[in-house]
Amino acid sequence: MIVPGYLAPVSERCFTYIGNGSGQFTPWTVPQEAQFVCICVMGAGGGGGGGGTGASSSAKAGGGGGGSGSMATITYPARFLPKTIYLYAPDGGAGGAAQTAGATPGNTRVTTYPDSAQVSLVLALASAGGGGGAATGNTAGTGTAGGAAPSLSNNQLSAFAIAANFS
């Protein structure tokens, strides 16, 4: 790979993390020799809605599809990151039982501290898709839109932009 502004090729190392369903943050150590860290996060999809019910001779409709999660990519100079960052990737939403909407999972995020409550610590975020609507009898459930594009304007990106201007 050639990085703009550099004439020599640079080596790359890729780390792939898929949520393990534990609901816990997973630490990742930034390699000491890293110059840049590119983070790509993908939000979990919402669960599909449950189908309609009724007598065996009656028509029944299906539930709506769950929305897809959003995706975000950002690259940081490694020197602006702490030694360890934390990854959180929730499972996708569970499908709904009969005549019940599908579940909406939590957001996928990379943070500087293993705490989901502090938005100011988020380095990257991908919104989850919504759960699909439930069917009622022969009326189909509604599908759900995908996850919204995240906005990180009020967190560390602001501090990063200031630091980058003075380096």
Foldseek 3Di string as FASTA:
>chain_A
DDDPPDDDDDDDDDDDDADPQPQFKDKDFDDPPAQKDKDKDFAAWWAWEAKADDDPPAAIAGWAHTATKFMDMDMDGCVVADRMKIWGHHHYWHYYHAQGWTAWDAKTFIFNDGDPVDLQGTPDIIGYTHTIGHTHGHRYTHYTYYGDDDDSVPHCVVVRVVVVVVD
